[in-house]
PDB file of N, CA and C in Angstrom:
ATOM      1  N   MET A   1      56.671   7.873  -9.004  1.00  0.00           N
ATOM      2  CA  MET A   1      58.077   7.532  -9.390  1.00  0.00           C
ATOM      3  C   MET A   1      58.215   6.547 -10.421  1.00  0.00           C
ATOM      4  N   ILE A   2      59.383   6.809 -11.183  1.00  0.00           N
ATOM      5  CA  ILE A   2      59.567   5.642 -12.253  1.00  0.00           C
ATOM      6  C   ILE A   2      60.283   4.516 -11.659  1.00  0.00           C
ATOM      7  N   PRO A   3      60.193   3.447 -12.364  1.00  0.00           N
ATOM      8  CA  PRO A   3      60.637   2.012 -11.986  1.00  0.00           C
ATOM      9  C   PRO A   3      62.114   2.238 -11.347  1.00  0.00           C
ATOM     10  N   THR A   4      63.053   2.796 -12.003  1.00  0.00           N
ATOM     11  CA  THR A   4      64.427   2.817 -11.645  1.00  0.00           C
ATOM     12  C   THR A   4      64.615   3.335 -10.422  1.00  0.00           C
ATOM     13  N   GLU A   5      63.610   4.565 -10.073  1.00  0.00           N
ATOM     14  CA  GLU A   5      63.887   5.352  -8.848  1.00  0.00           C
ATOM     15  C   GLU A   5      63.328   4.479  -7.781  1.00  0.00           C
ATOM     16  N   ARG A   6      62.176   3.547  -7.948  1.00  0.00           N
ATOM     17  CA  ARG A   6      61.717   2.787  -6.853  1.00  0.00           C
ATOM     18  C   ARG A   6      62.647   1.771  -6.374  1.00  0.00           C
ATOM     19  N   ILE A   7      63.439   1.206  -7.466  1.00  0.00           N
ATOM     20  CA  ILE A   7      64.441   0.138  -7.211  1.00  0.00           C
ATOM     21  C   ILE A   7      65.572   0.653  -6.346  1.00  0.00           C
ATOM     22  N   GLU A   8      66.035   1.956  -6.741  1.00  0.00           N
ATOM     23  CA  GLU A   8      66.878   2.641  -6.052  1.00  0.00           C
ATOM     24  C   GLU A   8      66.556   2.848  -4.594  1.00  0.00           C
ATOM     25  N   ALA A   9      65.266   3.212  -4.431  1.00  0.00           N
ATOM     26  CA  ALA A   9      64.850   3.486  -2.904  1.00  0.00           C
ATOM     27  C   ALA A   9      64.886   2.258  -2.183  1.00  0.00           C
ATOM     28  N   LYS A  10      64.560   1.154  -2.833  1.00  0.00           N
ATOM     29  CA  LYS A  10      64.333  -0.187  -2.047  1.00  0.00           C
ATOM     30  C   LYS A  10      65.760  -0.535  -1.641  1.00  0.00           C
ATOM     31  N   TYR A  11      66.697  -0.530  -2.609  1.00  0.00           N
ATOM     32  CA  TYR A  11      68.166  -1.061  -2.420  1.00  0.00           C
ATOM     33  C   TYR A  11      68.977   0.243  -2.118  1.00  0.00           C
ATOM     34  N   TYR A  12      68.703   0.945  -1.300  1.00  0.00           N
ATOM     35  CA  TYR A  12      69.585   2.264  -0.925  1.00  0.00           C
ATOM     36  C   TYR A  12      70.913   1.820  -0.507  1.00  0.00           C
ATOM     37  N   LYS A  13      71.223   0.697  -0.208  1.00  0.00           N
ATOM     38  CA  LYS A  13      72.543   0.218   0.223  1.00  0.00           C
ATOM     39  C   LYS A  13      73.492   0.208  -1.058  1.00  0.00           C
ATOM     40  N   TYR A  14      72.985   0.098  -2.260  1.00  0.00           N
ATOM     41  CA  TYR A  14      73.854   0.396  -3.445  1.00  0.00           C
ATOM     42  C   TYR A  14      73.737   1.622  -4.091  1.00  0.00           C
ATOM     43  N   LYS A  15      74.734   1.978  -4.706  1.00  0.00           N
ATOM     44  CA  LYS A  15      74.830   3.202  -5.442  1.00  0.00           C
ATOM     45  C   LYS A  15      74.785   2.967  -7.032  1.00  0.00           C
ATOM     46  N   PHE A  16      73.641   3.460  -7.376  1.00  0.00           N
ATOM     47  CA  PHE A  16      73.392   3.112  -8.931  1.00  0.00           C
ATOM     48  C   PHE A  16      73.938   4.299  -9.926  1.00  0.00           C
ATOM     49  N   HIS A  17      74.761   3.971 -10.908  1.00  0.00           N
ATOM     50  CA  HIS A  17      75.230   5.005 -11.802  1.00  0.00           C
ATOM     51  C   HIS A  17      74.876   4.767 -13.087  1.00  0.00           C
ATOM     52  N   PHE A  18      74.049   5.681 -13.892  1.00  0.00           N
ATOM     53  CA  PHE A  18      73.566   5.381 -15.232  1.00  0.00           C
ATOM     54  C   PHE A  18      74.776   5.836 -16.085  1.00  0.00           C
ATOM     55  N   VAL A  19      75.282   5.095 -16.781  1.00  0.00           N
ATOM     56  CA  VAL A  19      76.496   5.488 -17.667  1.00  0.00           C
ATOM     57  C   VAL A  19      76.102   5.013 -19.144  1.00  0.00           C
ATOM     58  N   SER A  20      76.989   5.514 -20.079  1.00  0.00           N
ATOM     59  CA  SER A  20      76.998   4.933 -21.477  1.00  0.00           C
ATOM     60  C   SER A  20      78.154   4.050 -21.594  1.00  0.00           C
ATOM     61  N   PHE A  21      78.003   2.883 -21.944  1.00  0.00           N
ATOM     62  CA  PHE A  21      79.260   1.939 -22.164  1.00  0.00           C
ATOM     63  C   PHE A  21      79.580   2.166 -23.684  1.00  0.00           C
ATOM     64  N   PRO A  22      80.924   1.842 -23.828  1.00  0.00           N
ATOM     65  CA  PRO A  22      81.544   2.062 -25.147  1.00  0.00           C
ATOM     66  C   PRO A  22      81.003   1.065 -26.135  1.00  0.00           C
ATOM     67  N   GLU A  23      80.949   1.626 -27.374  1.00  0.00           N
ATOM     68  CA  GLU A  23      80.286   0.954 -28.542  1.00  0.00           C
ATOM     69  C   GLU A  23      80.612  -0.610 -28.512  1.00  0.00           C
ATOM     70  N   GLU A  24      81.935  -0.912 -28.143  1.00  0.00           N
ATOM     71  CA  GLU A  24      82.360  -2.279 -28.467  1.00  0.00           C
ATOM     72  C   GLU A  24      81.678  -3.047 -27.134  1.00  0.00           C
ATOM     73  N   LEU A  25      81.311  -2.518 -26.210  1.00  0.00           N
ATOM     74  CA  LEU A  25      80.344  -3.157 -25.199  1.00  0.00           C
ATOM     75  C   LEU A  25      79.011  -3.160 -25.228  1.00  0.00           C
ATOM     76  N   TYR A  26      78.519  -3.291 -26.373  1.00  0.00           N
ATOM     77  CA  TYR A  26      76.975  -3.009 -26.556  1.00  0.00           C
ATOM     78  C   TYR A  26      76.143  -4.029 -26.003  1.00  0.00           C
ATOM     79  N   PHE A  27      76.728  -5.185 -25.760  1.00  0.00           N
ATOM     80  CA  PHE A  27      76.085  -6.342 -25.010  1.00  0.00           C
ATOM     81  C   PHE A  27      76.112  -6.111 -23.563  1.00  0.00           C
ATOM     82  N   LEU A  28      76.659  -5.315 -23.036  1.00  0.00           N
ATOM     83  CA  LEU A  28      76.837  -5.001 -21.475  1.00  0.00           C
ATOM     84  C   LEU A  28      75.706  -4.145 -21.077  1.00  0.00           C
ATOM     85  N   HIS A  29      74.874  -4.772 -20.213  1.00  0.00           N
ATOM     86  CA  HIS A  29      73.816  -3.968 -19.621  1.00  0.00           C
ATOM     87  C   HIS A  29      74.052  -3.295 -18.314  1.00  0.00           C
ATOM     88  N   GLY A  30      74.944  -3.929 -17.502  1.00  0.00           N
ATOM     89  CA  GLY A  30      75.246  -3.555 -16.263  1.00  0.00           C
ATOM     90  C   GLY A  30      76.498  -4.197 -15.848  1.00  0.00           C
ATOM     91  N   TYR A  31      76.969  -3.501 -14.744  1.00  0.00           N
ATOM     92  CA  TYR A  31      78.308  -4.073 -14.199  1.00  0.00           C
ATOM     93  C   TYR A  31      78.381  -3.587 -12.628  1.00  0.00           C
ATOM     94  N   ILE A  32      78.946  -4.505 -11.739  1.00  0.00           N
ATOM     95  CA  ILE A  32      78.903  -4.247 -10.449  1.00  0.00           C
ATOM     96  C   ILE A  32      80.475  -4.195  -9.846  1.00  0.00           C
ATOM     97  N   ASN A  33      80.612  -3.149  -9.125  1.00  0.00           N
ATOM     98  CA  ASN A  33      81.872  -3.107  -8.481  1.00  0.00           C
ATOM     99  C   ASN A  33      81.700  -2.644  -7.050  1.00  0.00           C
ATOM    100  N   GLY A  34      81.884  -3.842  -6.229  1.00  0.00           N
ATOM    101  CA  GLY A  34      81.420  -3.424  -4.730  1.00  0.00           C
ATOM    102  C   GLY A  34      80.026  -2.964  -4.528  1.00  0.00           C
ATOM    103  N   ASN A  35      79.791  -1.784  -3.911  1.00  0.00           N
ATOM    104  CA  ASN A  35      78.349  -1.361  -3.695  1.00  0.00           C
ATOM    105  C   ASN A  35      77.904  -0.383  -4.803  1.00  0.00           C
ATOM    106  N   ASP A  36      78.833  -0.354  -5.853  1.00  0.00           N
ATOM    107  CA  ASP A  36      78.547   0.597  -7.070  1.00  0.00           C
ATOM    108  C   ASP A  36      78.093  -0.276  -8.056  1.00  0.00           C
ATOM    109  N   ILE A  37      76.841   0.167  -8.639  1.00  0.00           N
ATOM    110  CA  ILE A  37      76.171  -0.632  -9.839  1.00  0.00           C
ATOM    111  C   ILE A  37      76.063   0.241 -10.985  1.00  0.00           C
ATOM    112  N   TYR A  38      76.731  -0.048 -12.107  1.00  0.00           N
ATOM    113  CA  TYR A  38      76.775   0.689 -13.203  1.00  0.00           C
ATOM    114  C   TYR A  38      75.745   0.104 -14.185  1.00  0.00           C
ATOM    115  N   ILE A  39      74.731   0.978 -14.678  1.00  0.00           N
ATOM    116  CA  ILE A  39      73.579   0.512 -15.570  1.00  0.00           C
ATOM    117  C   ILE A  39      73.760   1.300 -16.890  1.00  0.00           C
ATOM    118  N   ASN A  40      73.599   0.631 -18.085  1.00  0.00           N
ATOM    119  CA  ASN A  40      73.641   1.404 -19.280  1.00  0.00           C
ATOM    120  C   ASN A  40      72.401   2.191 -19.437  1.00  0.00           C
ATOM    121  N   LYS A  41      72.708   3.478 -19.550  1.00  0.00           N
ATOM    122  CA  LYS A  41      71.735   4.580 -19.694  1.00  0.00           C
ATOM    123  C   LYS A  41      71.014   4.502 -21.057  1.00  0.00           C
ATOM    124  N   ASN A  42      71.673   3.864 -22.080  1.00  0.00           N
ATOM    125  CA  ASN A  42      70.982   3.779 -23.501  1.00  0.00           C
ATOM    126  C   ASN A  42      70.094   2.845 -23.365  1.00  0.00           C
ATOM    127  N   ASP A  43      69.693   1.829 -22.642  1.00  0.00           N
ATOM    128  CA  ASP A  43      68.737   0.731 -22.592  1.00  0.00           C
ATOM    129  C   ASP A  43      67.392   1.496 -22.196  1.00  0.00           C
ATOM    130  N   SER A  44      66.461   0.574 -22.650  1.00  0.00           N
ATOM    131  CA  SER A  44      65.038   0.985 -22.288  1.00  0.00           C
ATOM    132  C   SER A  44      64.969   1.032 -20.796  1.00  0.00           C
ATOM    133  N   MET A  45      63.882   1.611 -20.176  1.00  0.00           N
ATOM    134  CA  MET A  45      63.639   1.643 -18.890  1.00  0.00           C
ATOM    135  C   MET A  45      63.179   0.331 -18.256  1.00  0.00           C
ATOM    136  N   GLU A  46      62.622  -0.585 -19.140  1.00  0.00           N
ATOM    137  CA  GLU A  46      62.449  -1.995 -18.564  1.00  0.00           C
ATOM    138  C   GLU A  46      63.689  -2.741 -18.513  1.00  0.00           C
ATOM    139  N   LEU A  47      64.709  -2.611 -19.427  1.00  0.00           N
ATOM    140  CA  LEU A  47      65.926  -3.276 -19.450  1.00  0.00           C
ATOM    141  C   LEU A  47      66.821  -2.753 -18.350  1.00  0.00           C
ATOM    142  N   GLN A  48      66.718  -1.311 -18.042  1.00  0.00           N
ATOM    143  CA  GLN A  48      67.472  -0.788 -16.962  1.00  0.00           C
ATOM    144  C   GLN A  48      67.075  -1.479 -15.681  1.00  0.00           C
ATOM    145  N   SER A  49      65.529  -1.491 -15.449  1.00  0.00           N
ATOM    146  CA  SER A  49      65.123  -2.025 -14.214  1.00  0.00           C
ATOM    147  C   SER A  49      65.504  -3.417 -13.965  1.00  0.00           C
ATOM    148  N   LEU A  50      65.407  -4.181 -14.943  1.00  0.00           N
ATOM    149  CA  LEU A  50      65.796  -5.678 -14.900  1.00  0.00           C
ATOM    150  C   LEU A  50      67.201  -5.770 -14.665  1.00  0.00           C
ATOM    151  N   THR A  51      68.219  -5.048 -15.353  1.00  0.00           N
ATOM    152  CA  THR A  51      69.540  -5.116 -15.003  1.00  0.00           C
ATOM    153  C   THR A  51      69.883  -4.713 -13.565  1.00  0.00           C
ATOM    154  N   MET A  52      69.229  -3.715 -13.132  1.00  0.00           N
ATOM    155  CA  MET A  52      69.354  -3.204 -11.699  1.00  0.00           C
ATOM    156  C   MET A  52      69.193  -4.287 -10.729  1.00  0.00           C
ATOM    157  N   ILE A  53      68.132  -4.995 -10.911  1.00  0.00           N
ATOM    158  CA  ILE A  53      67.679  -6.109  -9.997  1.00  0.00           C
ATOM    159  C   ILE A  53      68.731  -7.348 -10.177  1.00  0.00           C
ATOM    160  N   HIS A  54      68.870  -7.535 -11.427  1.00  0.00           N
ATOM    161  CA  HIS A  54      70.031  -8.571 -11.814  1.00  0.00           C
ATOM    162  C   HIS A  54      71.411  -8.389 -11.040  1.00  0.00           C
ATOM    163  N   GLU A  55      71.773  -7.209 -11.141  1.00  0.00           N
ATOM    164  CA  GLU A  55      73.084  -6.868 -10.403  1.00  0.00           C
ATOM    165  C   GLU A  55      72.861  -6.832  -8.880  1.00  0.00           C
ATOM    166  N   VAL A  56      71.782  -6.536  -8.269  1.00  0.00           N
ATOM    167  CA  VAL A  56      71.464  -6.539  -6.987  1.00  0.00           C
ATOM    168  C   VAL A  56      71.573  -8.013  -6.488  1.00  0.00           C
ATOM    169  N   VAL A  57      71.187  -8.790  -7.231  1.00  0.00           N
ATOM    170  CA  VAL A  57      71.160 -10.325  -6.861  1.00  0.00           C
ATOM    171  C   VAL A  57      72.492 -10.885  -6.847  1.00  0.00           C
ATOM    172  N   HIS A  58      73.352 -10.322  -7.773  1.00  0.00           N
ATOM    173  CA  HIS A  58      74.617 -10.812  -7.738  1.00  0.00           C
ATOM    174  C   HIS A  58      75.466 -10.414  -6.490  1.00  0.00           C
ATOM    175  N   ALA A  59      75.190  -9.002  -6.178  1.00  0.00           N
ATOM    176  CA  ALA A  59      75.841  -8.443  -5.086  1.00  0.00           C
ATOM    177  C   ALA A  59      75.313  -9.090  -3.707  1.00  0.00           C
ATOM    178  N   GLU A  60      74.177  -9.597  -3.644  1.00  0.00           N
ATOM    179  CA  GLU A  60      73.632 -10.174  -2.461  1.00  0.00           C
ATOM    180  C   GLU A  60      73.960 -11.571  -2.278  1.00  0.00           C
ATOM    181  N   CYS A  61      74.053 -12.407  -3.434  1.00  0.00           N
ATOM    182  CA  CYS A  61      74.009 -13.764  -3.423  1.00  0.00           C
ATOM    183  C   CYS A  61      75.431 -14.453  -3.916  1.00  0.00           C
ATOM    184  N   ASP A  62      76.287 -13.696  -4.708  1.00  0.00           N
ATOM    185  CA  ASP A  62      77.361 -14.251  -5.188  1.00  0.00           C
ATOM    186  C   ASP A  62      78.618 -14.104  -4.098  1.00  0.00           C
ATOM    187  N   ASP A  63      79.522 -14.961  -4.309  1.00  0.00           N
ATOM    188  CA  ASP A  63      80.576 -14.986  -3.317  1.00  0.00           C
ATOM    189  C   ASP A  63      81.850 -14.216  -3.736  1.00  0.00           C
ATOM    190  N   GLY A  64      81.618 -13.173  -4.392  1.00  0.00           N
ATOM    191  CA  GLY A  64      82.662 -12.173  -4.719  1.00  0.00           C
ATOM    192  C   GLY A  64      83.620 -12.439  -5.741  1.00  0.00           C
ATOM    193  N   GLN A  65      83.470 -13.544  -6.343  1.00  0.00           N
ATOM    194  CA  GLN A  65      84.445 -13.999  -7.591  1.00  0.00           C
ATOM    195  C   GLN A  65      84.025 -13.180  -8.745  1.00  0.00           C
ATOM    196  N   ASP A  66      84.952 -13.020  -9.725  1.00  0.00           N
ATOM    197  CA  ASP A  66      84.921 -12.485 -11.030  1.00  0.00           C
ATOM    198  C   ASP A  66      83.980 -13.426 -11.905  1.00  0.00           C
ATOM    199  N   LEU A  67      82.887 -12.901 -12.364  1.00  0.00           N
ATOM    200  CA  LEU A  67      82.014 -13.742 -13.145  1.00  0.00           C
ATOM    201  C   LEU A  67      82.061 -13.249 -14.694  1.00  0.00           C
ATOM    202  N   THR A  68      82.967 -12.511 -14.966  1.00  0.00           N
ATOM    203  CA  THR A  68      83.007 -12.044 -16.282  1.00  0.00           C
ATOM    204  C   THR A  68      83.351 -13.204 -17.513  1.00  0.00           C
ATOM    205  N   ASP A  69      84.045 -14.180 -17.146  1.00  0.00           N
ATOM    206  CA  ASP A  69      84.383 -15.400 -17.854  1.00  0.00           C
ATOM    207  C   ASP A  69      83.214 -16.398 -17.950  1.00  0.00           C
ATOM    208  N   HIS A  70      82.478 -16.352 -18.930  1.00  0.00           N
ATOM    209  CA  HIS A  70      81.245 -17.144 -18.959  1.00  0.00           C
ATOM    210  C   HIS A  70      81.458 -18.667 -19.170  1.00  0.00           C
ATOM    211  N   ARG A  71      82.602 -19.120 -19.252  1.00  0.00           N
ATOM    212  CA  ARG A  71      82.796 -20.540 -19.619  1.00  0.00           C
ATOM    213  C   ARG A  71      82.403 -21.514 -18.391  1.00  0.00           C
ATOM    214  N   PRO A  72      82.867 -21.006 -17.272  1.00  0.00           N
ATOM    215  CA  PRO A  72      82.699 -22.082 -15.967  1.00  0.00           C
ATOM    216  C   PRO A  72      81.184 -22.275 -15.699  1.00  0.00           C
ATOM    217  N   ILE A  73      80.881 -23.464 -15.324  1.00  0.00           N
ATOM    218  CA  ILE A  73      79.618 -23.698 -14.789  1.00  0.00           C
ATOM    219  C   ILE A  73      79.123 -22.987 -13.963  1.00  0.00           C
ATOM    220  N   LYS A  74      79.972 -22.520 -12.743  1.00  0.00           N
ATOM    221  CA  LYS A  74      79.541 -21.828 -11.851  1.00  0.00           C
ATOM    222  C   LYS A  74      79.050 -20.449 -12.186  1.00  0.00           C
ATOM    223  N   THR A  75      79.648 -19.868 -13.161  1.00  0.00           N
ATOM    224  CA  THR A  75      79.303 -18.570 -13.634  1.00  0.00           C
ATOM    225  C   THR A  75      77.908 -18.732 -14.411  1.00  0.00           C
ATOM    226  N   GLY A  76      77.739 -19.852 -15.142  1.00  0.00           N
ATOM    227  CA  GLY A  76      76.465 -20.100 -15.877  1.00  0.00           C
ATOM    228  C   GLY A  76      75.150 -20.089 -14.847  1.00  0.00           C
ATOM    229  N   ARG A  77      75.443 -20.903 -13.675  1.00  0.00           N
ATOM    230  CA  ARG A  77      74.532 -21.041 -12.645  1.00  0.00           C
ATOM    231  C   ARG A  77      74.208 -19.731 -11.942  1.00  0.00           C
ATOM    232  N   ALA A  78      75.212 -18.890 -11.755  1.00  0.00           N
ATOM    233  CA  ALA A  78      74.984 -17.569 -11.035  1.00  0.00           C
ATOM    234  C   ALA A  78      74.208 -16.634 -11.924  1.00  0.00           C
ATOM    235  N   GLU A  79      74.414 -16.579 -13.313  1.00  0.00           N
ATOM    236  CA  GLU A  79      73.884 -15.829 -14.209  1.00  0.00           C
ATOM    237  C   GLU A  79      72.336 -16.343 -14.499  1.00  0.00           C
ATOM    238  N   PHE A  80      72.079 -17.684 -14.338  1.00  0.00           N
ATOM    239  CA  PHE A  80      70.857 -18.128 -14.479  1.00  0.00           C
ATOM    240  C   PHE A  80      69.896 -17.820 -13.210  1.00  0.00           C
ATOM    241  N   PHE A  81      70.510 -17.943 -12.065  1.00  0.00           N
ATOM    242  CA  PHE A  81      69.900 -17.653 -10.898  1.00  0.00           C
ATOM    243  C   PHE A  81      69.538 -16.125 -10.940  1.00  0.00           C
ATOM    244  N   ALA A  82      70.364 -15.259 -11.194  1.00  0.00           N
ATOM    245  CA  ALA A  82      70.123 -13.815 -11.436  1.00  0.00           C
ATOM    246  C   ALA A  82      69.053 -13.418 -12.147  1.00  0.00           C
ATOM    247  N   ASP A  83      69.188 -13.938 -13.370  1.00  0.00           N
ATOM    248  CA  ASP A  83      68.302 -13.749 -14.543  1.00  0.00           C
ATOM    249  C   ASP A  83      66.763 -14.226 -13.938  1.00  0.00           C
ATOM    250  N   HIS A  84      66.651 -15.300 -13.305  1.00  0.00           N
ATOM    251  CA  HIS A  84      65.388 -15.877 -12.879  1.00  0.00           C
ATOM    252  C   HIS A  84      64.710 -14.863 -11.884  1.00  0.00           C
ATOM    253  N   ILE A  85      65.491 -14.478 -10.835  1.00  0.00           N
ATOM    254  CA  ILE A  85      65.108 -13.823  -9.692  1.00  0.00           C
ATOM    255  C   ILE A  85      64.645 -12.316 -10.364  1.00  0.00           C
ATOM    256  N   ALA A  86      65.652 -11.872 -11.239  1.00  0.00           N
ATOM    257  CA  ALA A  86      65.285 -10.427 -11.735  1.00  0.00           C
ATOM    258  C   ALA A  86      63.907 -10.468 -12.608  1.00  0.00           C
ATOM    259  N   SER A  87      63.782 -11.514 -13.378  1.00  0.00           N
ATOM    260  CA  SER A  87      62.635 -11.412 -14.201  1.00  0.00           C
ATOM    261  C   SER A  87      61.339 -11.639 -13.446  1.00  0.00           C
ATOM    262  N   ARG A  88      61.473 -12.415 -12.306  1.00  0.00           N
ATOM    263  CA  ARG A  88      60.372 -12.490 -11.561  1.00  0.00           C
ATOM    264  C   ARG A  88      59.973 -11.312 -10.579  1.00  0.00           C
ATOM    265  N   ASP A  89      61.155 -10.476 -10.131  1.00  0.00           N
ATOM    266  CA  ASP A  89      61.007  -9.490  -9.237  1.00  0.00           C
ATOM    267  C   ASP A  89      60.557  -8.181  -9.803  1.00  0.00           C
ATOM    268  N   VAL A  90      61.145  -8.067 -11.247  1.00  0.00           N
ATOM    269  CA  VAL A  90      60.966  -6.727 -11.863  1.00  0.00           C
ATOM    270  C   VAL A  90      59.594  -6.283 -12.200  1.00  0.00           C
ATOM    271  N   ARG A  91      58.679  -7.459 -12.352  1.00  0.00           N
ATOM    272  CA  ARG A  91      57.246  -7.142 -12.436  1.00  0.00           C
ATOM    273  C   ARG A  91      56.586  -6.187 -11.615  1.00  0.00           C
ATOM    274  N   ARG A  92      57.036  -6.355 -10.249  1.00  0.00           N
ATOM    275  CA  ARG A  92      56.413  -5.491  -9.299  1.00  0.00           C
ATOM    276  C   ARG A  92      56.851  -3.921  -9.443  1.00  0.00           C
ATOM    277  N   TYR A  93      57.851  -3.666 -10.064  1.00  0.00           N
ATOM    278  CA  TYR A  93      58.469  -2.200 -10.211  1.00  0.00           C
ATOM    279  C   TYR A  93      57.781  -1.587 -11.493  1.00  0.00           C
ATOM    280  N   LEU A  94      57.483  -2.434 -12.548  1.00  0.00           N
ATOM    281  CA  LEU A  94      56.980  -2.083 -13.950  1.00  0.00           C
ATOM    282  C   LEU A  94      55.436  -1.815 -13.795  1.00  0.00           C
ATOM    283  N   ALA A  95      54.859  -2.410 -12.815  1.00  0.00           N
ATOM    284  CA  ALA A  95      53.445  -2.387 -12.857  1.00  0.00           C
ATOM    285  C   ALA A  95      52.769  -0.890 -12.376  1.00  0.00           C
TER     286      ALA A  95
END
């Protein structure tokens, strides 16, 4: 199994969609909407895996508020936490 398939199997509660984001959203790697998680299919396998776990952390730990505005401290903390956990956990899928 490839890493993304292993992550999908572990987090079967979420439906992962691999899509191409528009050119003007080149910086966007993933997006979550309820139990649907959208991943940029143009990213590398490693970045897709990292993004999948990052978005799962948001789905499981955030309080449901919109985090697209990166100015508030709360958003920064949520992003830092999701990055930290994803960076730590993605290694077991890439090994």
